[in-house]
Amino acid sequence: MSSLKAVFICAGINFKKWCINPRIYTVFAVSFVFLAYVFSGVPKICAYYHTPVTPWVFPFYLGNPMMFIIFGGLAMLFYCDAPFLDGNALFLIARAGRRNWIWGQFLYICASAMVLTLYNVLVSVLLLLPHLVFSSDWGSLLWTLARSSAQVYEQTGVSLGFLPFDMLMEIRSPAEVMAAAVLLFWLGNVFLGMLIFCFHILTGKMLGLVLGGLFTCMGYFVCYVGILTLGRWIYYLSPVTWSSVNYLDWFGMGDIPAPGFAIAAFALMIGGMALISVKVFCEKDLALQKGV
């Protein structure tokens, strides 16, 4: 069996386990509930104004700091069993080899995080039906929500769980912002998955989940108490907030992380944890996860 084929097989087997894993269904169901909470009011506003909406709402999903708790919590639930050393692992490792198997788990984390990301994007668009219209610009309704949200609420009585970022909309096209939002949301999930993955391999305990919980809570903390007590530089220490386009420096001010910094930092940390995991896993004794 070639190395590349073995890596893909090891990753693919994890996807096949989704069919019998209620935890996966729970993550997708809870994601749907919160997406509906944030975006389901938009069609009511569209109906009131008789105006359609463009599909570019997903970038503002994590605009409310409370959503960082949901984002991090779901990622931790999704990857809480990393590095996936269940009862079938010994057979796979014997056939594919340790190195191929561990790289397969890393590939699975990256691929499954993209599935979760695309699911969130797709649901955010479907929730806009039947008032959805595709356009290359932001559209009048999103501009209205960005600049006159209070007036919209007074007129329609509809409360939304998101607010378009008008300053970002003025300097970037919808396609640019959507691409950045998808990339950052995906990298944030991969980061939390790799954090659990790496520290479980290093310690054999739940330290990765503890760290994931701390980073998740920190994402909420820095948006309120953090910036008031420590200043805006605290955003540089909060990877979870980098998953949102709303908390990055698009204007070259330098007081919070820029998109380029967030992407590079994510890539460096994810790559570093992957290399450390491979090295340690290939040298230590195996210990199967109990209860899996």
C-alpha atoms as a PDB file:
ATOM      1  CA  MET A   1       0.000   0.000   0.000  1.00  0.00           C
ATOM      2  CA  SER A   2       1.454   3.360  -1.048  1.00  0.00           C
ATOM      3  CA  SER A   3       1.968   5.996   1.628  1.00  0.00           C
ATOM      4  CA  LEU A   4      -0.415   8.519   0.063  1.00  0.00           C
ATOM      5  CA  LYS A   5      -3.135   5.919  -0.448  1.00  0.00           C
ATOM      6  CA  ALA A   6      -2.742   4.733   3.151  1.00  0.00           C
ATOM      7  CA  VAL A   7      -3.082   8.297   4.459  1.00  0.00           C
ATOM      8  CA  PHE A   8      -6.322   8.836   2.528  1.00  0.00           C
ATOM      9  CA  ILE A   9      -7.724   5.472   3.618  1.00  0.00           C
ATOM     10  CA  CYS A  10      -7.021   6.234   7.275  1.00  0.00           C
ATOM     11  CA  ALA A  11      -8.729   9.611   6.936  1.00  0.00           C
ATOM     12  CA  GLY A  12     -11.669   8.179   5.006  1.00  0.00           C
ATOM     13  CA  ILE A  13     -12.417   5.547   7.654  1.00  0.00           C
ATOM     14  CA  ASN A  14     -13.017   8.323  10.191  1.00  0.00           C
ATOM     15  CA  PHE A  15     -15.649   9.814   7.878  1.00  0.00           C
ATOM     16  CA  LYS A  16     -17.393   6.436   7.578  1.00  0.00           C
ATOM     17  CA  LYS A  17     -17.805   6.382  11.367  1.00  0.00           C
ATOM     18  CA  TRP A  18     -19.997   9.490  11.185  1.00  0.00           C
ATOM     19  CA  CYS A  19     -23.022   7.341  10.298  1.00  0.00           C
ATOM     20  CA  ILE A  20     -23.063   5.718  13.741  1.00  0.00           C
ATOM     21  CA  ASN A  21     -21.734   8.611  15.809  1.00  0.00           C
ATOM     22  CA  PRO A  22     -24.524  10.641  17.491  1.00  0.00           C
ATOM     23  CA  ARG A  23     -21.994  13.301  18.523  1.00  0.00           C
ATOM     24  CA  ILE A  24     -21.512  14.302  14.879  1.00  0.00           C
ATOM     25  CA  TYR A  25     -25.258  14.644  14.345  1.00  0.00           C
ATOM     26  CA  THR A  26     -25.438  16.740  17.503  1.00  0.00           C
ATOM     27  CA  VAL A  27     -22.782  19.169  16.247  1.00  0.00           C
ATOM     28  CA  PHE A  28     -24.564  19.694  12.930  1.00  0.00           C
ATOM     29  CA  ALA A  29     -27.967  20.012  14.614  1.00  0.00           C
ATOM     30  CA  VAL A  30     -26.766  22.574  17.175  1.00  0.00           C
ATOM     31  CA  SER A  31     -24.972  24.488  14.409  1.00  0.00           C
ATOM     32  CA  PHE A  32     -28.258  24.677  12.515  1.00  0.00           C
ATOM     33  CA  VAL A  33     -30.105  25.958  15.588  1.00  0.00           C
ATOM     34  CA  PHE A  34     -27.676  28.836  16.129  1.00  0.00           C
ATOM     35  CA  LEU A  35     -27.486  29.684  12.441  1.00  0.00           C
ATOM     36  CA  ALA A  36     -31.270  29.884  12.444  1.00  0.00           C
ATOM     37  CA  TYR A  37     -31.159  32.073  15.559  1.00  0.00           C
ATOM     38  CA  VAL A  38     -28.776  34.487  13.853  1.00  0.00           C
ATOM     39  CA  PHE A  39     -30.189  34.599  10.301  1.00  0.00           C
ATOM     40  CA  SER A  40     -33.816  33.395  10.279  1.00  0.00           C
ATOM     41  CA  GLY A  41     -35.156  36.920  10.873  1.00  0.00           C
ATOM     42  CA  VAL A  42     -33.750  38.200   7.577  1.00  0.00           C
ATOM     43  CA  PRO A  43     -36.584  36.797   5.381  1.00  0.00           C
ATOM     44  CA  LYS A  44     -39.131  38.557   7.627  1.00  0.00           C
ATOM     45  CA  ILE A  45     -37.347  41.854   7.053  1.00  0.00           C
ATOM     46  CA  CYS A  46     -37.182  41.129   3.327  1.00  0.00           C
ATOM     47  CA  ALA A  47     -40.920  40.482   3.270  1.00  0.00           C
ATOM     48  CA  TYR A  48     -41.618  43.717   5.166  1.00  0.00           C
ATOM     49  CA  TYR A  49     -39.565  45.865   2.772  1.00  0.00           C
ATOM     50  CA  HIS A  50     -40.343  43.745  -0.329  1.00  0.00           C
ATOM     51  CA  THR A  51     -36.610  43.640  -0.941  1.00  0.00           C
ATOM     52  CA  PRO A  52     -34.468  40.535  -1.581  1.00  0.00           C
ATOM     53  CA  VAL A  53     -31.199  39.851   0.201  1.00  0.00           C
ATOM     54  CA  THR A  54     -27.843  38.786  -1.210  1.00  0.00           C
ATOM     55  CA  PRO A  55     -26.174  35.625   0.172  1.00  0.00           C
ATOM     56  CA  TRP A  56     -23.201  37.396   1.809  1.00  0.00           C
ATOM     57  CA  VAL A  57     -24.294  37.039   5.440  1.00  0.00           C
ATOM     58  CA  PHE A  58     -21.978  34.286   6.675  1.00  0.00           C
ATOM     59  CA  PRO A  59     -18.957  36.599   7.274  1.00  0.00           C
ATOM     60  CA  PHE A  60     -20.930  38.298  10.071  1.00  0.00           C
ATOM     61  CA  TYR A  61     -22.015  35.083  11.827  1.00  0.00           C
ATOM     62  CA  LEU A  62     -19.317  35.424  14.505  1.00  0.00           C
ATOM     63  CA  GLY A  63     -19.843  39.146  14.973  1.00  0.00           C
ATOM     64  CA  ASN A  64     -21.391  38.740  18.425  1.00  0.00           C
ATOM     65  CA  PRO A  65     -18.702  37.695  20.958  1.00  0.00           C
ATOM     66  CA  MET A  66     -21.161  35.221  22.496  1.00  0.00           C
ATOM     67  CA  MET A  67     -20.891  33.198  19.294  1.00  0.00           C
ATOM     68  CA  PHE A  68     -17.249  32.439  20.110  1.00  0.00           C
ATOM     69  CA  ILE A  69     -18.504  30.242  22.952  1.00  0.00           C
ATOM     70  CA  ILE A  70     -20.738  28.358  20.499  1.00  0.00           C
ATOM     71  CA  PHE A  71     -18.005  28.168  17.860  1.00  0.00           C
ATOM     72  CA  GLY A  72     -15.359  26.845  20.256  1.00  0.00           C
ATOM     73  CA  GLY A  73     -17.741  24.559  22.113  1.00  0.00           C
ATOM     74  CA  LEU A  74     -18.912  22.856  18.926  1.00  0.00           C
ATOM     75  CA  ALA A  75     -15.344  22.444  17.666  1.00  0.00           C
ATOM     76  CA  MET A  76     -14.363  20.840  20.962  1.00  0.00           C
ATOM     77  CA  LEU A  77     -17.353  18.488  20.819  1.00  0.00           C
ATOM     78  CA  PHE A  78     -16.512  17.644  17.211  1.00  0.00           C
ATOM     79  CA  TYR A  79     -12.899  16.686  18.038  1.00  0.00           C
ATOM     80  CA  CYS A  80     -13.132  15.633  21.668  1.00  0.00           C
ATOM     81  CA  ASP A  81     -12.071  12.066  20.798  1.00  0.00           C
ATOM     82  CA  ALA A  82      -8.924  13.098  18.898  1.00  0.00           C
ATOM     83  CA  PRO A  83      -6.549  11.410  18.037  1.00  0.00           C
ATOM     84  CA  PHE A  84      -9.261   8.794  17.337  1.00  0.00           C
ATOM     85  CA  LEU A  85      -7.432   5.798  18.808  1.00  0.00           C
ATOM     86  CA  ASP A  86     -10.450   3.491  18.937  1.00  0.00           C
ATOM     87  CA  GLY A  87     -10.663  -0.283  18.718  1.00  0.00           C
ATOM     88  CA  ASN A  88      -9.889  -0.326  14.981  1.00  0.00           C
ATOM     89  CA  ALA A  89      -6.770   1.803  15.277  1.00  0.00           C
ATOM     90  CA  LEU A  90      -4.313  -1.032  15.966  1.00  0.00           C
ATOM     91  CA  PHE A  91      -5.407  -2.878  12.834  1.00  0.00           C
ATOM     92  CA  LEU A  92      -5.080   0.248  10.696  1.00  0.00           C
ATOM     93  CA  ILE A  93      -1.719   1.145  12.193  1.00  0.00           C
ATOM     94  CA  ALA A  94      -0.442  -2.394  11.558  1.00  0.00           C
ATOM     95  CA  ARG A  95      -1.531  -2.211   7.914  1.00  0.00           C
ATOM     96  CA  ALA A  96      -0.686   1.401   7.105  1.00  0.00           C
ATOM     97  CA  GLY A  97       2.152   2.158   9.542  1.00  0.00           C
ATOM     98  CA  ARG A  98       2.248   4.682  12.349  1.00  0.00           C
ATOM     99  CA  ARG A  99       3.373   7.623  10.262  1.00  0.00           C
ATOM    100  CA  ASN A 100       0.749   7.118   7.562  1.00  0.00           C
ATOM    101  CA  TRP A 101      -1.969   6.626  10.167  1.00  0.00           C
ATOM    102  CA  ILE A 102      -1.140   9.794  12.108  1.00  0.00           C
ATOM    103  CA  TRP A 103      -0.952  11.874   8.927  1.00  0.00           C
ATOM    104  CA  GLY A 104      -4.338  10.399   8.006  1.00  0.00           C
ATOM    105  CA  GLN A 105      -5.775  11.736  11.259  1.00  0.00           C
ATOM    106  CA  PHE A 106      -4.350  15.182  10.512  1.00  0.00           C
ATOM    107  CA  LEU A 107      -5.878  15.035   7.023  1.00  0.00           C
ATOM    108  CA  TYR A 108      -9.197  14.045   8.576  1.00  0.00           C
ATOM    109  CA  ILE A 109      -9.170  17.050  10.915  1.00  0.00           C
ATOM    110  CA  CYS A 110      -8.500  19.416   8.013  1.00  0.00           C
ATOM    111  CA  ALA A 111     -11.112  17.820   5.740  1.00  0.00           C
ATOM    112  CA  SER A 112     -13.818  17.465   8.404  1.00  0.00           C
ATOM    113  CA  ALA A 113     -13.297  21.091   9.474  1.00  0.00           C
ATOM    114  CA  MET A 114     -13.908  22.126   5.869  1.00  0.00           C
ATOM    115  CA  VAL A 115     -17.097  20.028   5.759  1.00  0.00           C
ATOM    116  CA  LEU A 116     -18.304  21.734   8.930  1.00  0.00           C
ATOM    117  CA  THR A 117     -17.392  25.156   7.534  1.00  0.00           C
ATOM    118  CA  LEU A 118     -19.158  24.603   4.214  1.00  0.00           C
ATOM    119  CA  TYR A 119     -22.198  23.279   6.072  1.00  0.00           C
ATOM    120  CA  ASN A 120     -22.393  26.530   8.041  1.00  0.00           C
ATOM    121  CA  VAL A 121     -22.054  28.575   4.858  1.00  0.00           C
ATOM    122  CA  LEU A 122     -24.723  26.538   3.038  1.00  0.00           C
ATOM    123  CA  VAL A 123     -27.234  26.737   5.888  1.00  0.00           C
ATOM    124  CA  SER A 124     -26.680  30.489   6.265  1.00  0.00           C
ATOM    125  CA  VAL A 125     -27.664  30.888   2.599  1.00  0.00           C
ATOM    126  CA  LEU A 126     -30.625  28.476   2.673  1.00  0.00           C
ATOM    127  CA  LEU A 127     -32.101  30.303   5.667  1.00  0.00           C
ATOM    128  CA  LEU A 128     -32.511  33.377   3.451  1.00  0.00           C
ATOM    129  CA  LEU A 129     -34.976  31.625   1.133  1.00  0.00           C
ATOM    130  CA  PRO A 130     -37.327  32.506  -0.503  1.00  0.00           C
ATOM    131  CA  HIS A 131     -36.014  36.079  -0.584  1.00  0.00           C
ATOM    132  CA  LEU A 132     -32.522  35.257  -1.825  1.00  0.00           C
ATOM    133  CA  VAL A 133     -31.004  36.935  -4.864  1.00  0.00           C
ATOM    134  CA  PHE A 134     -27.451  36.422  -6.113  1.00  0.00           C
ATOM    135  CA  SER A 135     -25.414  39.538  -6.824  1.00  0.00           C
ATOM    136  CA  SER A 136     -21.760  40.515  -6.981  1.00  0.00           C
ATOM    137  CA  ASP A 137     -22.340  43.435  -4.588  1.00  0.00           C
ATOM    138  CA  TRP A 138     -23.632  43.557  -1.015  1.00  0.00           C
ATOM    139  CA  GLY A 139     -27.161  44.559  -1.889  1.00  0.00           C
ATOM    140  CA  SER A 140     -29.396  47.295  -0.493  1.00  0.00           C
ATOM    141  CA  LEU A 141     -30.795  45.248   2.396  1.00  0.00           C
ATOM    142  CA  LEU A 142     -27.408  44.423   3.928  1.00  0.00           C
ATOM    143  CA  TRP A 143     -26.390  48.073   3.617  1.00  0.00           C
ATOM    144  CA  THR A 144     -29.613  49.062   5.374  1.00  0.00           C
ATOM    145  CA  LEU A 145     -28.985  46.578   8.181  1.00  0.00           C
ATOM    146  CA  ALA A 146     -25.406  47.818   8.520  1.00  0.00           C
ATOM    147  CA  ARG A 147     -26.272  51.515   8.734  1.00  0.00           C
ATOM    148  CA  SER A 148     -29.793  51.637  10.150  1.00  0.00           C
ATOM    149  CA  SER A 149     -30.279  48.503  12.251  1.00  0.00           C
ATOM    150  CA  ALA A 150     -32.108  50.355  15.036  1.00  0.00           C
ATOM    151  CA  GLN A 151     -34.548  51.890  12.575  1.00  0.00           C
ATOM    152  CA  VAL A 152     -35.127  48.502  10.935  1.00  0.00           C
ATOM    153  CA  TYR A 153     -35.969  47.003  14.335  1.00  0.00           C
ATOM    154  CA  GLU A 154     -38.396  49.831  15.134  1.00  0.00           C
ATOM    155  CA  GLN A 155     -40.194  49.369  11.821  1.00  0.00           C
ATOM    156  CA  THR A 156     -40.253  45.576  11.580  1.00  0.00           C
ATOM    157  CA  GLY A 157     -40.009  44.408  15.187  1.00  0.00           C
ATOM    158  CA  VAL A 158     -37.525  41.762  14.042  1.00  0.00           C
ATOM    159  CA  SER A 159     -34.412  41.309  16.170  1.00  0.00           C
ATOM    160  CA  LEU A 160     -31.354  39.870  14.417  1.00  0.00           C
ATOM    161  CA  GLY A 161     -28.400  38.053  15.938  1.00  0.00           C
ATOM    162  CA  PHE A 162     -25.879  39.706  13.617  1.00  0.00           C
ATOM    163  CA  LEU A 163     -24.909  43.126  12.320  1.00  0.00           C
ATOM    164  CA  PRO A 164     -23.120  43.667   8.986  1.00  0.00           C
ATOM    165  CA  PHE A 165     -19.764  45.434   9.377  1.00  0.00           C
ATOM    166  CA  ASP A 166     -20.301  48.518   7.204  1.00  0.00           C
ATOM    167  CA  MET A 167     -16.683  49.763   7.333  1.00  0.00           C
ATOM    168  CA  LEU A 168     -15.471  46.413   6.015  1.00  0.00           C
ATOM    169  CA  MET A 169     -18.208  46.369   3.374  1.00  0.00           C
ATOM    170  CA  GLU A 170     -17.005  49.746   2.104  1.00  0.00           C
ATOM    171  CA  ILE A 171     -13.435  48.620   1.414  1.00  0.00           C
ATOM    172  CA  ARG A 172     -13.833  44.954   0.399  1.00  0.00           C
ATOM    173  CA  SER A 173     -16.029  43.134  -2.096  1.00  0.00           C
ATOM    174  CA  PRO A 174     -18.444  40.433  -0.941  1.00  0.00           C
ATOM    175  CA  ALA A 175     -16.393  37.721  -2.639  1.00  0.00           C
ATOM    176  CA  GLU A 176     -13.215  38.812  -0.812  1.00  0.00           C
ATOM    177  CA  VAL A 177     -14.891  38.953   2.575  1.00  0.00           C
ATOM    178  CA  MET A 178     -16.697  35.637   2.053  1.00  0.00           C
ATOM    179  CA  ALA A 179     -13.454  33.905   1.029  1.00  0.00           C
ATOM    180  CA  ALA A 180     -11.657  35.313   4.076  1.00  0.00           C
ATOM    181  CA  ALA A 181     -14.525  34.322   6.384  1.00  0.00           C
ATOM    182  CA  VAL A 182     -14.559  30.732   5.086  1.00  0.00           C
ATOM    183  CA  LEU A 183     -10.780  30.429   5.383  1.00  0.00           C
ATOM    184  CA  LEU A 184     -10.638  31.853   8.918  1.00  0.00           C
ATOM    185  CA  PHE A 185     -13.622  29.816  10.159  1.00  0.00           C
ATOM    186  CA  TRP A 186     -11.979  26.676   8.761  1.00  0.00           C
ATOM    187  CA  LEU A 187      -8.567  27.493  10.258  1.00  0.00           C
ATOM    188  CA  GLY A 188     -10.147  28.191  13.643  1.00  0.00           C
ATOM    189  CA  ASN A 189     -11.770  24.752  13.665  1.00  0.00           C
ATOM    190  CA  VAL A 190      -8.563  23.052  12.514  1.00  0.00           C
ATOM    191  CA  PHE A 191      -6.608  24.882  15.217  1.00  0.00           C
ATOM    192  CA  LEU A 192      -8.929  23.716  18.013  1.00  0.00           C
ATOM    193  CA  GLY A 193      -9.001  20.192  16.596  1.00  0.00           C
ATOM    194  CA  MET A 194      -5.217  20.040  16.383  1.00  0.00           C
ATOM    195  CA  LEU A 195      -4.898  21.474  19.886  1.00  0.00           C
ATOM    196  CA  ILE A 196      -6.908  18.568  21.296  1.00  0.00           C
ATOM    197  CA  PHE A 197      -5.160  16.123  18.964  1.00  0.00           C
ATOM    198  CA  CYS A 198      -1.614  17.218  19.797  1.00  0.00           C
ATOM    199  CA  PHE A 199      -1.904  17.529  23.566  1.00  0.00           C
ATOM    200  CA  HIS A 200      -3.712  14.216  23.896  1.00  0.00           C
ATOM    201  CA  ILE A 201      -0.787  12.571  22.132  1.00  0.00           C
ATOM    202  CA  LEU A 202       1.720  14.457  24.282  1.00  0.00           C
ATOM    203  CA  THR A 203       0.068  13.850  27.660  1.00  0.00           C
ATOM    204  CA  GLY A 204      -2.450  11.057  27.133  1.00  0.00           C
ATOM    205  CA  LYS A 205      -4.924  13.181  29.092  1.00  0.00           C
ATOM    206  CA  MET A 206      -7.532  15.886  28.493  1.00  0.00           C
ATOM    207  CA  LEU A 207      -5.145  18.852  28.514  1.00  0.00           C
ATOM    208  CA  GLY A 208      -6.030  19.697  24.906  1.00  0.00           C
ATOM    209  CA  LEU A 209      -9.709  20.035  25.785  1.00  0.00           C
ATOM    210  CA  VAL A 210      -8.827  22.212  28.771  1.00  0.00           C
ATOM    211  CA  LEU A 211      -6.709  24.497  26.583  1.00  0.00           C
ATOM    212  CA  GLY A 212      -9.434  24.583  23.951  1.00  0.00           C
ATOM    213  CA  GLY A 213     -11.905  25.648  26.618  1.00  0.00           C
ATOM    214  CA  LEU A 214      -9.549  28.363  27.853  1.00  0.00           C
ATOM    215  CA  PHE A 215      -9.020  29.762  24.352  1.00  0.00           C
ATOM    216  CA  THR A 216     -12.778  29.643  23.728  1.00  0.00           C
ATOM    217  CA  CYS A 217     -13.565  31.551  26.915  1.00  0.00           C
ATOM    218  CA  MET A 218     -10.736  33.962  26.159  1.00  0.00           C
ATOM    219  CA  GLY A 219     -12.372  34.777  22.802  1.00  0.00           C
ATOM    220  CA  TYR A 220     -15.400  36.071  24.693  1.00  0.00           C
ATOM    221  CA  PHE A 221     -13.361  37.671  27.488  1.00  0.00           C
ATOM    222  CA  VAL A 222     -11.093  39.814  25.304  1.00  0.00           C
ATOM    223  CA  CYS A 223     -14.039  41.467  23.547  1.00  0.00           C
ATOM    224  CA  TYR A 224     -15.318  42.937  26.800  1.00  0.00           C
ATOM    225  CA  VAL A 225     -13.185  42.881  29.949  1.00  0.00           C
ATOM    226  CA  GLY A 226      -9.940  42.156  28.096  1.00  0.00           C
ATOM    227  CA  ILE A 227      -9.791  45.302  25.971  1.00  0.00           C
ATOM    228  CA  LEU A 228     -10.960  47.468  28.891  1.00  0.00           C
ATOM    229  CA  THR A 229      -8.341  46.227  31.337  1.00  0.00           C
ATOM    230  CA  LEU A 230      -5.413  45.213  29.102  1.00  0.00           C
ATOM    231  CA  GLY A 231      -5.944  47.042  25.827  1.00  0.00           C
ATOM    232  CA  ARG A 232      -6.625  45.920  22.275  1.00  0.00           C
ATOM    233  CA  TRP A 233      -3.255  44.132  21.967  1.00  0.00           C
ATOM    234  CA  ILE A 234      -4.864  41.224  23.852  1.00  0.00           C
ATOM    235  CA  TYR A 235      -6.461  40.186  20.562  1.00  0.00           C
ATOM    236  CA  TYR A 236      -3.013  38.962  19.471  1.00  0.00           C
ATOM    237  CA  LEU A 237      -3.245  36.260  22.168  1.00  0.00           C
ATOM    238  CA  SER A 238      -6.747  35.069  21.290  1.00  0.00           C
ATOM    239  CA  PRO A 239      -6.767  32.703  18.270  1.00  0.00           C
ATOM    240  CA  VAL A 240     -10.508  32.035  18.531  1.00  0.00           C
ATOM    241  CA  THR A 241     -11.305  35.682  17.744  1.00  0.00           C
ATOM    242  CA  TRP A 242      -9.164  35.430  14.613  1.00  0.00           C
ATOM    243  CA  SER A 243     -11.859  33.118  13.216  1.00  0.00           C
ATOM    244  CA  SER A 244     -14.087  36.159  12.654  1.00  0.00           C
ATOM    245  CA  VAL A 245     -13.492  38.862  10.052  1.00  0.00           C
ATOM    246  CA  ASN A 246     -15.120  41.334  12.458  1.00  0.00           C
ATOM    247  CA  TYR A 247     -12.187  41.282  14.914  1.00  0.00           C
ATOM    248  CA  LEU A 248      -9.272  41.701  12.517  1.00  0.00           C
ATOM    249  CA  ASP A 249      -7.464  44.815  11.347  1.00  0.00           C
ATOM    250  CA  TRP A 250      -8.561  45.471   7.751  1.00  0.00           C
ATOM    251  CA  PHE A 251      -7.500  49.124   7.882  1.00  0.00           C
ATOM    252  CA  GLY A 252      -3.778  48.941   8.701  1.00  0.00           C
ATOM    253  CA  MET A 253      -4.119  50.413  12.189  1.00  0.00           C
ATOM    254  CA  GLY A 254      -1.866  47.805  13.813  1.00  0.00           C
ATOM    255  CA  ASP A 255      -3.628  47.671  17.191  1.00  0.00           C
ATOM    256  CA  ILE A 256      -5.264  44.281  16.511  1.00  0.00           C
ATOM    257  CA  PRO A 257      -4.167  41.343  14.316  1.00  0.00           C
ATOM    258  CA  ALA A 258      -4.399  41.792  10.559  1.00  0.00           C
ATOM    259  CA  PRO A 259      -5.903  39.027   8.395  1.00  0.00           C
ATOM    260  CA  GLY A 260      -2.453  38.103   7.095  1.00  0.00           C
ATOM    261  CA  PHE A 261      -1.127  37.747  10.638  1.00  0.00           C
ATOM    262  CA  ALA A 262      -4.069  35.540  11.657  1.00  0.00           C
ATOM    263  CA  ILE A 263      -3.691  33.228   8.656  1.00  0.00           C
ATOM    264  CA  ALA A 264       0.086  32.945   9.067  1.00  0.00           C
ATOM    265  CA  ALA A 265      -0.173  32.355  12.825  1.00  0.00           C
ATOM    266  CA  PHE A 266      -2.856  29.711  12.361  1.00  0.00           C
ATOM    267  CA  ALA A 267      -0.762  27.942   9.712  1.00  0.00           C
ATOM    268  CA  LEU A 268       2.371  28.050  11.871  1.00  0.00           C
ATOM    269  CA  MET A 269       0.648  26.716  14.983  1.00  0.00           C
ATOM    270  CA  ILE A 270      -1.290  24.018  13.123  1.00  0.00           C
ATOM    271  CA  GLY A 271       1.803  22.903  11.210  1.00  0.00           C
ATOM    272  CA  GLY A 272       3.910  22.902  14.370  1.00  0.00           C
ATOM    273  CA  MET A 273       1.394  20.823  16.296  1.00  0.00           C
ATOM    274  CA  ALA A 274       1.136  18.385  13.388  1.00  0.00           C
ATOM    275  CA  LEU A 275       4.921  17.848  13.245  1.00  0.00           C
ATOM    276  CA  ILE A 276       5.179  17.461  17.020  1.00  0.00           C
ATOM    277  CA  SER A 277       2.292  14.980  17.014  1.00  0.00           C
ATOM    278  CA  VAL A 278       3.865  12.857  14.291  1.00  0.00           C
ATOM    279  CA  LYS A 279       7.259  12.759  16.000  1.00  0.00           C
ATOM    280  CA  VAL A 280       5.893  11.894  19.451  1.00  0.00           C
ATOM    281  CA  PHE A 281       3.322   9.390  18.200  1.00  0.00           C
ATOM    282  CA  CYS A 282       5.882   7.461  16.179  1.00  0.00           C
ATOM    283  CA  GLU A 283       8.153   7.121  19.229  1.00  0.00           C
ATOM    284  CA  LYS A 284       5.772   6.397  22.122  1.00  0.00           C
ATOM    285  CA  ASP A 285       3.741   3.348  23.160  1.00  0.00           C
ATOM    286  CA  LEU A 286       0.130   3.158  22.008  1.00  0.00           C
ATOM    287  CA  ALA A 287      -2.749   3.570  24.432  1.00  0.00           C
ATOM    288  CA  LEU A 288      -6.255   3.006  23.056  1.00  0.00           C
ATOM    289  CA  GLN A 289      -9.022   5.340  24.175  1.00  0.00           C
ATOM    290  CA  LYS A 290     -11.374   3.770  26.694  1.00  0.00           C
ATOM    291  CA  GLY A 291     -15.058   3.583  26.005  1.00  0.00           C
ATOM    292  CA  VAL A 292     -14.747   4.097  22.248  1.00  0.00           C
END
